[in-house]
């Protein structure tokens, strides 16, 4: 026996058996490793962009056969139009069927006007009075005084506002939300001009009520932005790549969604508004239809106002967007800036979106506007200044 063997305690070379807790820990680590490996393999090898959430494929071909999916921008700054659900029954604010509502037809205005040239321009001095409910009125008339921007204008007592700085405010994006539209009609003064998007279900009902309260109306016309189609204004968008007849058909669809408006206001359109040819075709249609054009002022490169003036189309450009930032303090600051512009220039035009916060602040602001020495006027009044 070696000397070293005598010095070793008995059993020193025997290995200590694993305890139950150690066995459990090793087993847990092995199971965790298998789980992580399986999960990593699933992520890298399986193309599931929805991350495992339940999905359902829906065939939209029956609904979207003539329209495109709508993208987002703020109806300036953030209301998104939705796909028009023209086949659904209308409901009231409580979700019940509305017996008084009428289905809004997608009336197409005739493109075969005998008094209209092939390029879409009407004979000199003639305009068409648009009324989707009565196609017989969609023909050329000689009397330009019957142009919609005149016959649908709100009457204003010029003596009562003489010498006062005049302010017009347009609230756009209406007709998409029943709740917001209801709030706007309940709170906003009659001299506020209302712009309706063409995609709502109950436009005829809402616009009739707005007109009965004295509001002037505008139609929002979707126009091509620079990042189209990633940023899509909606169905029947006017495009620089479309020919004159295609854009005319799209415009007629938009103009046929409701009636009794004084003109149109752009929705988006940074690219379309810079295109001389497309813009000229569009303004010829404005002239032929006897409508005014309002530019929101969101694009500094727009040529539409210049083209409109060259073609003798009544037009205005907004001085500022009231709720470019949706915070209450910013909206109030913008309204003060609008008053300053009116003091300097004699007139001012602001545009706001149909946000609940914008509607409430504008409503409160108008209540004391006259006391501060300003006249709140509908948008057509500024054409006379």
Protein backbone atom coordinates (compact mmCIF):
# COMPACT_ATOMS: atom_id res chain seq x y z
CA UNK A 1 0.00 0.00 0.00
CA UNK A 2 1.36 3.40 -0.96
CA UNK A 3 2.07 6.03 1.65
CA UNK A 4 -0.39 8.43 0.06
CA UNK A 5 -3.15 5.88 0.43
CA UNK A 6 -2.63 5.81 4.19
CA UNK A 7 -3.15 9.58 4.39
CA UNK A 8 -6.48 9.67 2.48
CA UNK A 9 -9.64 9.55 4.61
CA UNK A 10 -11.83 6.60 3.91
CA UNK A 11 -14.29 7.28 1.04
CA UNK A 12 -12.63 10.51 -0.16
CA UNK A 13 -12.54 9.36 -3.78
CA UNK A 14 -16.28 8.63 -3.87
CA UNK A 15 -18.41 11.27 -5.70
CA UNK A 16 -21.23 12.89 -3.76
CA UNK A 17 -24.60 11.94 -5.32
CA UNK A 18 -26.78 14.80 -6.74
CA UNK A 19 -29.46 16.13 -4.49
CA UNK A 20 -33.10 16.24 -5.57
CA UNK A 21 -33.07 20.06 -5.71
CA UNK A 22 -30.10 20.02 -8.05
CA UNK A 23 -31.76 17.48 -10.31
CA UNK A 24 -34.90 19.67 -10.45
CA UNK A 25 -32.85 22.76 -11.29
CA UNK A 26 -31.01 21.03 -14.13
CA UNK A 27 -34.28 19.72 -15.50
CA UNK A 28 -35.84 23.20 -15.40
CA UNK A 29 -32.88 24.71 -17.23
CA UNK A 30 -33.10 22.05 -19.92
CA UNK A 31 -36.84 22.64 -20.39
CA UNK A 32 -36.28 26.41 -20.60
CA UNK A 33 -33.57 25.92 -23.22
CA UNK A 34 -35.94 23.79 -25.32
CA UNK A 35 -38.69 26.41 -25.01
CA UNK A 36 -36.39 29.30 -26.05
CA UNK A 37 -35.05 27.29 -28.99
CA UNK A 38 -38.57 26.44 -30.16
CA UNK A 39 -39.73 30.07 -29.87
CA UNK A 40 -36.69 31.38 -31.75
CA UNK A 41 -37.23 28.84 -34.52
CA UNK A 42 -40.87 29.90 -34.84
CA UNK A 43 -39.99 33.59 -35.07
CA UNK A 44 -37.27 33.13 -37.69
CA UNK A 45 -38.81 30.35 -39.77
CA UNK A 46 -42.54 31.19 -39.76
CA UNK A 47 -43.83 34.33 -41.53
CA UNK A 48 -46.46 35.51 -39.11
CA UNK A 49 -46.55 39.35 -39.09
CA UNK A 50 -49.48 39.29 -36.68
CA UNK A 51 -47.40 37.69 -33.94
CA UNK A 52 -49.77 34.81 -33.39
CA UNK A 53 -52.88 36.91 -32.81
CA UNK A 54 -56.13 35.54 -34.18
CA UNK A 55 -56.81 36.80 -37.69
CA UNK A 56 -59.64 36.58 -40.17
CA UNK A 57 -59.57 37.20 -43.89
CA UNK A 58 -62.52 39.17 -45.25
CA UNK A 59 -63.40 39.52 -48.92
CA UNK A 60 -63.86 43.24 -49.51
CA UNK A 61 -64.21 43.01 -53.25
CA UNK A 62 -67.96 43.52 -53.08
CA UNK A 63 -67.56 46.69 -51.02
CA UNK A 64 -64.43 48.18 -52.53
CA UNK A 65 -64.90 47.42 -56.19
CA UNK A 66 -64.85 51.10 -57.06
CA UNK A 67 -62.98 52.63 -54.15
CA UNK A 68 -59.60 52.42 -52.44
CA UNK A 69 -58.74 51.92 -48.81
CA UNK A 70 -58.49 55.22 -47.03
CA UNK A 71 -55.31 56.27 -45.27
CA UNK A 72 -54.64 58.78 -42.53
CA UNK A 73 -53.58 62.33 -42.21
CA UNK A 74 -55.32 64.62 -39.97
CA UNK A 75 -58.45 65.80 -41.69
CA UNK A 76 -55.93 67.90 -40.96
CA UNK A 77 -54.50 67.18 -38.45
CA UNK A 78 -55.95 63.77 -37.78
CA UNK A 79 -59.46 62.77 -38.64
CA UNK A 80 -59.56 59.82 -41.03
CA UNK A 81 -62.36 59.38 -43.47
CA UNK A 82 -63.87 55.93 -43.58
CA UNK A 83 -65.17 53.82 -46.37
CA UNK A 84 -68.73 54.91 -47.21
CA UNK A 85 -71.13 52.21 -46.12
CA UNK A 86 -73.84 53.06 -48.59
CA UNK A 87 -75.67 49.76 -48.19
CA UNK A 88 -76.17 50.01 -44.44
CA UNK A 89 -79.32 51.45 -42.79
CA UNK A 90 -78.75 54.75 -41.06
CA UNK A 91 -78.88 54.90 -37.29
CA UNK A 92 -79.36 57.69 -34.82
CA UNK A 93 -76.93 58.62 -32.07
CA UNK A 94 -78.22 55.79 -29.88
CA UNK A 95 -77.51 53.18 -32.53
CA UNK A 96 -81.21 52.71 -33.40
CA UNK A 97 -82.57 52.79 -36.92
CA UNK A 98 -83.32 56.36 -37.86
CA UNK A 99 -86.77 56.53 -39.49
CA UNK A 100 -86.19 60.11 -40.62
CA UNK A 101 -82.88 59.46 -42.33
CA UNK A 102 -82.70 59.22 -46.08
CA UNK A 103 -80.20 57.14 -47.99
CA UNK A 104 -77.50 59.28 -49.52
CA UNK A 105 -77.29 58.34 -53.19
CA UNK A 106 -73.97 58.47 -54.97
CA UNK A 107 -75.42 60.69 -57.66
CA UNK A 108 -73.21 61.15 -60.67
CA UNK A 109 -73.55 64.51 -62.36
CA UNK A 110 -73.91 64.32 -66.09
CA UNK A 111 -70.69 64.65 -68.06
CA UNK A 112 -72.52 65.21 -71.35
CA UNK A 113 -73.41 68.83 -70.95
CA UNK A 114 -74.17 70.19 -74.44
CA UNK A 115 -72.84 73.56 -73.36
CA UNK A 116 -69.54 72.13 -72.16
CA UNK A 117 -66.53 71.75 -74.43
CA UNK A 118 -64.52 68.54 -74.66
CA UNK A 119 -61.94 69.88 -72.25
CA UNK A 120 -64.55 70.35 -69.53
CA UNK A 121 -64.92 74.13 -69.83
CA UNK A 122 -68.29 75.78 -70.12
CA UNK A 123 -69.17 78.51 -72.55
CA UNK A 124 -68.16 81.96 -71.39
CA UNK A 125 -70.48 83.44 -68.78
CA UNK A 126 -72.35 80.19 -68.13
CA UNK A 127 -72.40 78.10 -64.99
CA UNK A 128 -74.13 74.90 -63.92
CA UNK A 129 -76.22 74.93 -60.78
CA UNK A 130 -75.52 71.68 -58.97
CA UNK A 131 -78.39 69.88 -57.28
CA UNK A 132 -77.97 66.11 -57.07
CA UNK A 133 -81.62 65.73 -56.02
CA UNK A 134 -82.82 67.33 -59.25
CA UNK A 135 -80.76 66.39 -62.33
CA UNK A 136 -82.75 68.85 -64.44
CA UNK A 137 -80.86 71.66 -62.72
CA UNK A 138 -77.47 70.28 -63.74
CA UNK A 139 -77.37 72.16 -67.01
CA UNK A 140 -75.79 75.38 -68.15
CA UNK A 141 -77.56 78.60 -67.27
CA UNK A 142 -76.78 82.03 -68.64
CA UNK A 143 -77.41 84.00 -65.44
CA UNK A 144 -74.14 83.87 -63.48
CA UNK A 145 -75.94 85.37 -60.47
CA UNK A 146 -77.39 81.90 -59.91
CA UNK A 147 -73.95 80.43 -59.23
CA UNK A 148 -74.05 78.30 -56.06
CA UNK A 149 -71.42 80.42 -54.30
CA UNK A 150 -73.95 83.27 -54.53
CA UNK A 151 -77.36 81.67 -54.16
CA UNK A 152 -76.22 79.47 -51.24
CA UNK A 153 -74.39 82.25 -49.42
CA UNK A 154 -75.61 83.36 -45.99
CA UNK A 155 -77.02 86.87 -45.99
CA UNK A 156 -75.10 89.27 -43.80
CA UNK A 157 -76.18 92.72 -42.62
CA UNK A 158 -73.34 94.75 -44.10
CA UNK A 159 -74.27 97.83 -42.10
CA UNK A 160 -73.97 95.93 -38.82
CA UNK A 161 -70.39 94.86 -39.54
CA UNK A 162 -69.19 97.96 -41.39
CA UNK A 163 -65.77 99.11 -40.21
CA UNK A 164 -65.11 96.00 -38.10
CA UNK A 165 -62.25 93.57 -38.74
CA UNK A 166 -63.86 90.45 -40.19
CA UNK A 167 -62.98 86.86 -39.31
CA UNK A 168 -64.17 83.68 -40.98
CA UNK A 169 -63.63 80.21 -39.53
CA UNK A 170 -64.07 76.92 -41.38
CA UNK A 171 -64.50 73.69 -39.41
CA UNK A 172 -63.84 70.71 -41.68
CA UNK A 173 -63.99 66.92 -41.42
CA UNK A 174 -67.68 66.88 -40.56
CA UNK A 175 -70.05 64.07 -41.48
CA UNK A 176 -67.67 61.25 -40.56
CA UNK A 177 -68.66 60.99 -36.90
CA UNK A 178 -72.27 61.40 -35.86
CA UNK A 179 -71.28 62.41 -32.34
CA UNK A 180 -68.81 65.08 -33.46
CA UNK A 181 -71.12 66.42 -36.17
CA UNK A 182 -73.96 66.62 -33.66
CA UNK A 183 -71.73 68.57 -31.26
CA UNK A 184 -70.60 70.97 -33.98
CA UNK A 185 -74.18 71.75 -35.02
CA UNK A 186 -75.18 72.22 -31.39
CA UNK A 187 -72.33 74.52 -30.36
CA UNK A 188 -71.03 76.45 -33.37
CA UNK A 189 -72.44 79.83 -34.33
CA UNK A 190 -74.32 80.03 -37.67
CA UNK A 191 -71.60 82.24 -39.15
CA UNK A 192 -69.06 79.41 -38.83
CA UNK A 193 -68.63 77.72 -42.23
CA UNK A 194 -68.84 73.93 -42.16
CA UNK A 195 -66.91 71.65 -44.53
CA UNK A 196 -68.14 68.08 -44.93
CA UNK A 197 -66.03 65.13 -46.06
CA UNK A 198 -67.71 63.21 -48.89
CA UNK A 199 -67.53 59.81 -47.19
CA UNK A 200 -70.20 60.00 -44.51
CA UNK A 201 -73.40 57.94 -44.48
CA UNK A 202 -75.86 60.67 -43.49
CA UNK A 203 -74.59 63.69 -45.41
CA UNK A 204 -77.96 64.75 -46.79
CA UNK A 205 -79.49 64.77 -43.32
CA UNK A 206 -76.60 66.57 -41.64
CA UNK A 207 -76.17 69.19 -44.36
CA UNK A 208 -79.89 69.97 -44.47
CA UNK A 209 -79.80 70.60 -40.75
CA UNK A 210 -76.67 72.74 -41.06
CA UNK A 211 -78.25 74.83 -43.80
CA UNK A 212 -81.43 75.25 -41.75
CA UNK A 213 -79.28 76.69 -38.95
CA UNK A 214 -77.70 79.19 -41.35
CA UNK A 215 -74.26 77.68 -41.93
CA UNK A 216 -72.53 78.01 -45.27
CA UNK A 217 -71.26 74.66 -46.54
CA UNK A 218 -68.14 73.50 -48.34
CA UNK A 219 -67.25 70.11 -49.82
CA UNK A 220 -63.86 68.64 -49.01
CA UNK A 221 -62.24 67.41 -52.23
CA UNK A 222 -59.55 64.71 -51.76
CA UNK A 223 -56.38 65.56 -53.69
CA UNK A 224 -53.15 63.68 -54.26
CA UNK A 225 -50.38 64.18 -51.65
CA UNK A 226 -46.70 63.65 -52.40
CA UNK A 227 -46.58 60.23 -50.72
CA UNK A 228 -49.62 58.81 -52.48
CA UNK A 229 -50.69 55.98 -52.37
CA UNK A 230 -48.96 55.29 -49.03
CA UNK A 231 -50.93 58.27 -47.77
CA UNK A 232 -54.30 57.89 -49.47
CA UNK A 233 -56.92 60.66 -49.05
CA UNK A 234 -59.70 58.28 -49.99
CA UNK A 235 -61.91 57.14 -52.87
CA UNK A 236 -62.18 59.42 -55.91
CA UNK A 237 -59.00 61.31 -55.11
CA UNK A 238 -57.95 63.77 -57.82
CA UNK A 239 -54.63 62.57 -59.26
CA UNK A 240 -51.91 64.19 -61.36
CA UNK A 241 -51.51 60.89 -63.21
CA UNK A 242 -55.20 60.73 -64.21
CA UNK A 243 -56.52 62.35 -67.36
CA UNK A 244 -58.96 65.25 -67.30
CA UNK A 245 -62.02 63.07 -67.80
CA UNK A 246 -61.09 60.67 -65.00
CA UNK A 247 -60.53 63.53 -62.56
CA UNK A 248 -63.78 65.13 -63.71
CA UNK A 249 -65.67 61.91 -62.97
CA UNK A 250 -64.08 61.73 -59.51
CA UNK A 251 -64.90 65.38 -58.85
CA UNK A 252 -68.51 64.90 -59.95
CA UNK A 253 -68.85 61.99 -57.53
CA UNK A 254 -67.61 64.18 -54.68
CA UNK A 255 -69.81 67.13 -55.67
CA UNK A 256 -72.83 64.86 -55.92
CA UNK A 257 -72.69 63.68 -52.30
CA UNK A 258 -74.85 66.56 -51.06
CA UNK A 259 -76.01 69.97 -52.21
CA UNK A 260 -76.48 73.63 -51.26
CA UNK A 261 -72.78 74.29 -50.77
CA UNK A 262 -70.95 77.44 -51.83
CA UNK A 263 -67.72 75.81 -52.91
CA UNK A 264 -64.98 73.33 -52.12
CA UNK A 265 -61.95 73.12 -49.88
CA UNK A 266 -58.97 70.87 -50.49
CA UNK A 267 -58.29 67.81 -48.40
CA UNK A 268 -54.54 67.12 -48.58
CA UNK A 269 -53.24 67.60 -52.15
CA UNK A 270 -49.65 68.77 -51.76
CA UNK A 271 -48.70 67.18 -55.10
CA UNK A 272 -51.92 67.87 -57.00
CA UNK A 273 -51.91 71.56 -56.07
CA UNK A 274 -48.48 72.07 -57.66
CA UNK A 275 -49.42 70.55 -61.02
CA UNK A 276 -50.30 73.31 -63.49
CA UNK A 277 -52.23 71.13 -65.95
CA UNK A 278 -54.26 69.17 -63.40
CA UNK A 279 -54.91 72.34 -61.41
CA UNK A 280 -56.12 74.20 -64.49
CA UNK A 281 -58.54 71.41 -65.41
CA UNK A 282 -59.84 71.41 -61.85
CA UNK A 283 -60.38 75.16 -61.78
CA UNK A 284 -62.22 75.08 -65.10
CA UNK A 285 -64.65 72.70 -63.44
CA UNK A 286 -64.99 75.08 -60.50
CA UNK A 287 -65.82 77.89 -62.89
CA UNK A 288 -68.26 75.77 -64.88
CA UNK A 289 -70.04 74.76 -61.68
CA UNK A 290 -70.15 78.26 -60.25
CA UNK A 291 -68.23 77.31 -57.11
CA UNK A 292 -65.64 79.08 -55.02
CA UNK A 293 -62.37 77.45 -53.96
CA UNK A 294 -60.78 77.64 -50.51
CA UNK A 295 -57.18 76.58 -49.91
CA UNK A 296 -56.36 75.39 -46.39
CA UNK A 297 -52.86 76.82 -46.66
CA UNK A 298 -51.21 73.59 -45.52
CA UNK A 299 -48.98 73.51 -48.62
CA UNK A 300 -46.81 76.54 -49.31
CA UNK A 301 -46.18 75.39 -52.90
CA UNK A 302 -49.80 75.26 -54.03
CA UNK A 303 -50.60 77.04 -57.29
CA UNK A 304 -54.36 76.55 -57.14
CA UNK A 305 -55.18 80.03 -55.87
CA UNK A 306 -53.06 81.60 -58.60
CA UNK A 307 -54.70 79.43 -61.26
CA UNK A 308 -58.14 80.26 -59.85
CA UNK A 309 -57.46 83.99 -60.03
CA UNK A 310 -56.24 83.67 -63.63
CA UNK A 311 -59.49 81.91 -64.56
CA UNK A 312 -61.66 84.34 -62.56
CA UNK A 313 -62.72 81.67 -60.07
CA UNK A 314 -63.59 83.17 -56.66
CA UNK A 315 -61.03 81.86 -54.22
CA UNK A 316 -59.56 82.32 -50.76
CA UNK A 317 -56.55 81.00 -48.88
CA UNK A 318 -56.59 80.37 -45.15
CA UNK A 319 -54.26 82.50 -43.06
CA UNK A 320 -53.59 79.72 -40.55
CA UNK A 321 -54.65 76.33 -39.29
CA UNK A 322 -56.16 76.89 -35.87
CA UNK A 323 -55.56 73.45 -34.41
CA UNK A 324 -52.36 72.32 -36.11
CA UNK A 325 -51.45 71.32 -32.57
CA UNK A 326 -54.37 69.80 -30.75
CA UNK A 327 -53.67 71.22 -27.30
CA UNK A 328 -56.13 73.71 -25.83
CA UNK A 329 -53.47 76.35 -25.11
CA UNK A 330 -52.18 76.19 -28.70
CA UNK A 331 -55.68 76.52 -30.15
CA UNK A 332 -56.38 79.58 -27.99
CA UNK A 333 -53.06 81.12 -29.07
CA UNK A 334 -53.93 80.58 -32.72
CA UNK A 335 -57.28 82.28 -32.29
CA UNK A 336 -55.54 85.31 -30.81
CA UNK A 337 -53.19 85.29 -33.82
CA UNK A 338 -56.25 85.21 -36.08
CA UNK A 339 -57.57 88.34 -34.40
CA UNK A 340 -54.20 90.04 -34.91
CA UNK A 341 -54.26 89.20 -38.63
CA UNK A 342 -57.78 90.61 -38.91
CA UNK A 343 -56.69 93.83 -37.23
CA UNK A 344 -53.74 94.20 -39.61
CA UNK A 345 -55.43 93.16 -42.87
CA UNK A 346 -59.08 93.88 -42.13
CA UNK A 347 -59.98 90.23 -42.75
CA UNK A 348 -58.72 86.82 -41.60
CA UNK A 349 -59.55 83.21 -42.40
CA UNK A 350 -58.81 80.25 -40.14
CA UNK A 351 -59.38 76.53 -40.63
CA UNK A 352 -59.91 73.94 -37.92
CA UNK A 353 -60.69 70.24 -37.79
CA UNK A 354 -63.80 68.76 -36.23
CA UNK A 355 -62.10 67.78 -33.00
CA UNK A 356 -64.30 68.01 -29.90
CA UNK A 357 -61.70 70.22 -28.20
CA UNK A 358 -61.51 72.52 -31.25
CA UNK A 359 -65.29 72.80 -31.48
CA UNK A 360 -65.66 73.69 -27.81
CA UNK A 361 -62.88 76.28 -27.74
CA UNK A 362 -64.03 77.95 -30.98
CA UNK A 363 -67.58 78.06 -29.64
CA UNK A 364 -66.45 79.79 -26.43
CA UNK A 365 -64.20 82.18 -28.38
CA UNK A 366 -66.98 83.36 -30.69
CA UNK A 367 -69.32 84.24 -27.82
CA UNK A 368 -67.29 87.32 -26.88
CA UNK A 369 -65.75 88.07 -30.28
CA UNK A 370 -68.12 90.92 -31.10
CA UNK A 371 -67.46 92.53 -27.73
CA UNK A 372 -63.77 92.59 -28.59
CA UNK A 373 -64.52 94.54 -31.76
CA UNK A 374 -64.53 91.78 -34.43
CA UNK A 375 -67.21 90.55 -36.80
CA UNK A 376 -67.61 86.80 -37.32
CA UNK A 377 -68.72 86.28 -40.92
CA UNK A 378 -69.34 83.34 -43.28
CA UNK A 379 -66.60 82.58 -45.78
CA UNK A 380 -68.34 84.13 -48.81
CA UNK A 381 -68.33 87.52 -47.09
CA UNK A 382 -64.54 87.64 -47.44
CA UNK A 383 -64.90 87.49 -51.23
CA UNK A 384 -66.46 90.94 -51.10
CA UNK A 385 -63.58 92.55 -49.22
